Amino acid sequence: MGWARTLLLGDIGNRLDVQDCEEDIKILKSSLMQMNQGDMAQDQDLMNLRRDNNELKLYLSALIRLLTAKKVLTQEEIRKMVHAVDAEDGAIDSHNRNDILG
């Protein structure tokens, strides 16, 4: 109500306006806290994905080294297979949009 409340009710109107503002601030704070919690959850999810991705890279690297050390596959055979799998979805872009087992 603002000025009309003050004009009609004086100090009581002012206090009512202050209460309205305090309630609005309380609602805004609550909303900001909820948004912040959502951001924190997303940050945690992203951190977990990065950790998982790094672990997968480590295991894949170890597996490739083991296969080449035992002369099961050559590095060139692995490169050709990666290129072939990459091209299966129609785009050579380091993404595989097909099922893993093809």
C-alpha atoms as a PDB file:
ATOM      1  CA  MET A   1       0.000   0.000   0.000  1.00  0.00           C
ATOM      2  CA  GLY A   2       2.902   2.306   0.720  1.00  0.00           C
ATOM      3  CA  TRP A   3       2.090   5.989   0.976  1.00  0.00           C
ATOM      4  CA  ALA A   4      -1.686   5.480   1.372  1.00  0.00           C
ATOM      5  CA  ARG A   5      -1.168   3.270   4.400  1.00  0.00           C
ATOM      6  CA  THR A   6       1.211   5.816   5.928  1.00  0.00           C
ATOM      7  CA  LEU A   7      -1.150   8.683   5.196  1.00  0.00           C
ATOM      8  CA  LEU A   8      -4.131   6.907   6.739  1.00  0.00           C
ATOM      9  CA  LEU A   9      -2.451   5.047   9.592  1.00  0.00           C
ATOM     10  CA  GLY A  10       0.718   7.040  10.353  1.00  0.00           C
ATOM     11  CA  ASP A  11       3.362   5.091  12.265  1.00  0.00           C
ATOM     12  CA  ILE A  12       1.222   1.957  12.269  1.00  0.00           C
ATOM     13  CA  GLY A  13       1.079   2.139   8.456  1.00  0.00           C
ATOM     14  CA  ASN A  14       4.864   2.530   8.327  1.00  0.00           C
ATOM     15  CA  ARG A  15       5.316  -0.519  10.545  1.00  0.00           C
ATOM     16  CA  LEU A  16       2.976  -2.544   8.335  1.00  0.00           C
ATOM     17  CA  ASP A  17       5.029  -1.491   5.286  1.00  0.00           C
ATOM     18  CA  VAL A  18       8.227  -2.566   7.072  1.00  0.00           C
ATOM     19  CA  GLN A  19       6.667  -5.924   7.913  1.00  0.00           C
ATOM     20  CA  ASP A  20       5.702  -6.404   4.255  1.00  0.00           C
ATOM     21  CA  CYS A  21       9.270  -5.614   3.195  1.00  0.00           C
ATOM     22  CA  GLU A  22      10.708  -7.970   5.792  1.00  0.00           C
ATOM     23  CA  GLU A  23       8.435 -10.762   4.544  1.00  0.00           C
ATOM     24  CA  ASP A  24       9.485 -10.079   0.932  1.00  0.00           C
ATOM     25  CA  ILE A  25      13.158 -10.198   1.977  1.00  0.00           C
ATOM     26  CA  LYS A  26      12.580 -13.476   3.819  1.00  0.00           C
ATOM     27  CA  ILE A  27      10.981 -14.998   0.697  1.00  0.00           C
ATOM     28  CA  LEU A  28      13.842 -13.748  -1.521  1.00  0.00           C
ATOM     29  CA  LYS A  29      16.478 -15.150   0.856  1.00  0.00           C
ATOM     30  CA  SER A  30      14.744 -18.517   0.872  1.00  0.00           C
ATOM     31  CA  SER A  31      14.561 -18.516  -2.919  1.00  0.00           C
ATOM     32  CA  LEU A  32      18.256 -17.639  -3.228  1.00  0.00           C
ATOM     33  CA  MET A  33      19.215 -20.390  -0.786  1.00  0.00           C
ATOM     34  CA  GLN A  34      17.273 -22.954  -2.825  1.00  0.00           C
ATOM     35  CA  MET A  35      18.962 -21.786  -6.037  1.00  0.00           C
ATOM     36  CA  ASN A  36      22.363 -21.981  -4.345  1.00  0.00           C
ATOM     37  CA  GLN A  37      21.678 -25.527  -3.141  1.00  0.00           C
ATOM     38  CA  GLY A  38      20.759 -26.518  -6.715  1.00  0.00           C
ATOM     39  CA  ASP A  39      24.012 -25.013  -7.994  1.00  0.00           C
ATOM     40  CA  MET A  40      25.995 -26.848  -5.328  1.00  0.00           C
ATOM     41  CA  ALA A  41      24.349 -30.143  -6.290  1.00  0.00           C
ATOM     42  CA  GLN A  42      25.208 -29.538  -9.948  1.00  0.00           C
ATOM     43  CA  ASP A  43      28.799 -28.712  -9.008  1.00  0.00           C
ATOM     44  CA  GLN A  44      29.038 -31.966  -7.042  1.00  0.00           C
ATOM     45  CA  ASP A  45      27.576 -33.935  -9.968  1.00  0.00           C
ATOM     46  CA  LEU A  46      30.063 -32.335 -12.350  1.00  0.00           C
ATOM     47  CA  MET A  47      32.943 -33.109 -10.000  1.00  0.00           C
ATOM     48  CA  ASN A  48      31.810 -36.750  -9.794  1.00  0.00           C
ATOM     49  CA  LEU A  49      31.563 -37.002 -13.582  1.00  0.00           C
ATOM     50  CA  ARG A  50      35.058 -35.580 -13.999  1.00  0.00           C
ATOM     51  CA  ARG A  51      36.439 -38.030 -11.442  1.00  0.00           C
ATOM     52  CA  ASP A  52      34.696 -40.944 -13.159  1.00  0.00           C
ATOM     53  CA  ASN A  53      35.936 -39.782 -16.568  1.00  0.00           C
ATOM     54  CA  ASN A  54      39.523 -39.544 -15.322  1.00  0.00           C
ATOM     55  CA  GLU A  55      39.270 -43.021 -13.813  1.00  0.00           C
ATOM     56  CA  LEU A  56      37.925 -44.429 -17.095  1.00  0.00           C
ATOM     57  CA  LYS A  57      40.799 -42.808 -19.002  1.00  0.00           C
ATOM     58  CA  LEU A  58      43.254 -44.402 -16.588  1.00  0.00           C
ATOM     59  CA  TYR A  59      41.782 -47.883 -17.002  1.00  0.00           C
ATOM     60  CA  LEU A  60      41.521 -47.523 -20.782  1.00  0.00           C
ATOM     61  CA  SER A  61      45.130 -46.393 -20.996  1.00  0.00           C
ATOM     62  CA  ALA A  62      46.255 -49.340 -18.870  1.00  0.00           C
ATOM     63  CA  LEU A  63      44.233 -51.765 -21.005  1.00  0.00           C
ATOM     64  CA  ILE A  64      45.654 -50.405 -24.277  1.00  0.00           C
ATOM     65  CA  ARG A  65      49.195 -50.596 -22.917  1.00  0.00           C
ATOM     66  CA  LEU A  66      48.625 -54.164 -21.744  1.00  0.00           C
ATOM     67  CA  LEU A  67      47.205 -55.228 -25.121  1.00  0.00           C
ATOM     68  CA  THR A  68      50.084 -53.663 -27.025  1.00  0.00           C
ATOM     69  CA  ALA A  69      52.721 -54.997 -24.587  1.00  0.00           C
ATOM     70  CA  LYS A  70      51.378 -58.533 -25.025  1.00  0.00           C
ATOM     71  CA  LYS A  71      51.309 -57.949 -28.771  1.00  0.00           C
ATOM     72  CA  VAL A  72      47.593 -58.714 -28.941  1.00  0.00           C
ATOM     73  CA  LEU A  73      47.061 -55.477 -30.876  1.00  0.00           C
ATOM     74  CA  THR A  74      49.362 -52.878 -32.370  1.00  0.00           C
ATOM     75  CA  GLN A  75      48.944 -49.165 -31.783  1.00  0.00           C
ATOM     76  CA  GLU A  76      48.078 -48.791 -35.464  1.00  0.00           C
ATOM     77  CA  GLU A  77      45.313 -51.417 -35.204  1.00  0.00           C
ATOM     78  CA  ILE A  78      43.865 -49.572 -32.220  1.00  0.00           C
ATOM     79  CA  ARG A  79      43.991 -46.233 -34.071  1.00  0.00           C
ATOM     80  CA  LYS A  80      42.238 -47.755 -37.097  1.00  0.00           C
ATOM     81  CA  MET A  81      39.535 -49.261 -34.885  1.00  0.00           C
ATOM     82  CA  VAL A  82      38.972 -45.965 -33.074  1.00  0.00           C
ATOM     83  CA  HIS A  83      38.663 -44.189 -36.436  1.00  0.00           C
ATOM     84  CA  ALA A  84      36.227 -46.843 -37.730  1.00  0.00           C
ATOM     85  CA  VAL A  85      34.049 -46.678 -34.605  1.00  0.00           C
ATOM     86  CA  ASP A  86      34.098 -42.867 -34.700  1.00  0.00           C
ATOM     87  CA  ALA A  87      32.925 -42.875 -38.331  1.00  0.00           C
ATOM     88  CA  GLU A  88      30.069 -45.361 -37.737  1.00  0.00           C
ATOM     89  CA  ASP A  89      27.572 -42.644 -36.836  1.00  0.00           C
ATOM     90  CA  GLY A  90      28.374 -40.664 -39.972  1.00  0.00           C
ATOM     91  CA  ALA A  91      30.610 -38.031 -38.407  1.00  0.00           C
ATOM     92  CA  ILE A  92      34.276 -38.195 -37.468  1.00  0.00           C
ATOM     93  CA  ASP A  93      34.077 -36.018 -34.376  1.00  0.00           C
ATOM     94  CA  SER A  94      35.386 -38.100 -31.437  1.00  0.00           C
ATOM     95  CA  HIS A  95      31.814 -38.938 -30.400  1.00  0.00           C
ATOM     96  CA  ASN A  96      30.064 -42.280 -30.566  1.00  0.00           C
ATOM     97  CA  ARG A  97      26.297 -42.086 -30.738  1.00  0.00           C
ATOM     98  CA  ASN A  98      25.818 -45.816 -31.343  1.00  0.00           C
ATOM     99  CA  ASP A  99      25.545 -48.695 -28.912  1.00  0.00           C
ATOM    100  CA  ILE A 100      28.905 -49.701 -27.498  1.00  0.00           C
ATOM    101  CA  LEU A 101      28.756 -53.193 -28.989  1.00  0.00           C
ATOM    102  CA  GLY A 102      27.590 -51.860 -32.368  1.00  0.00           C
END
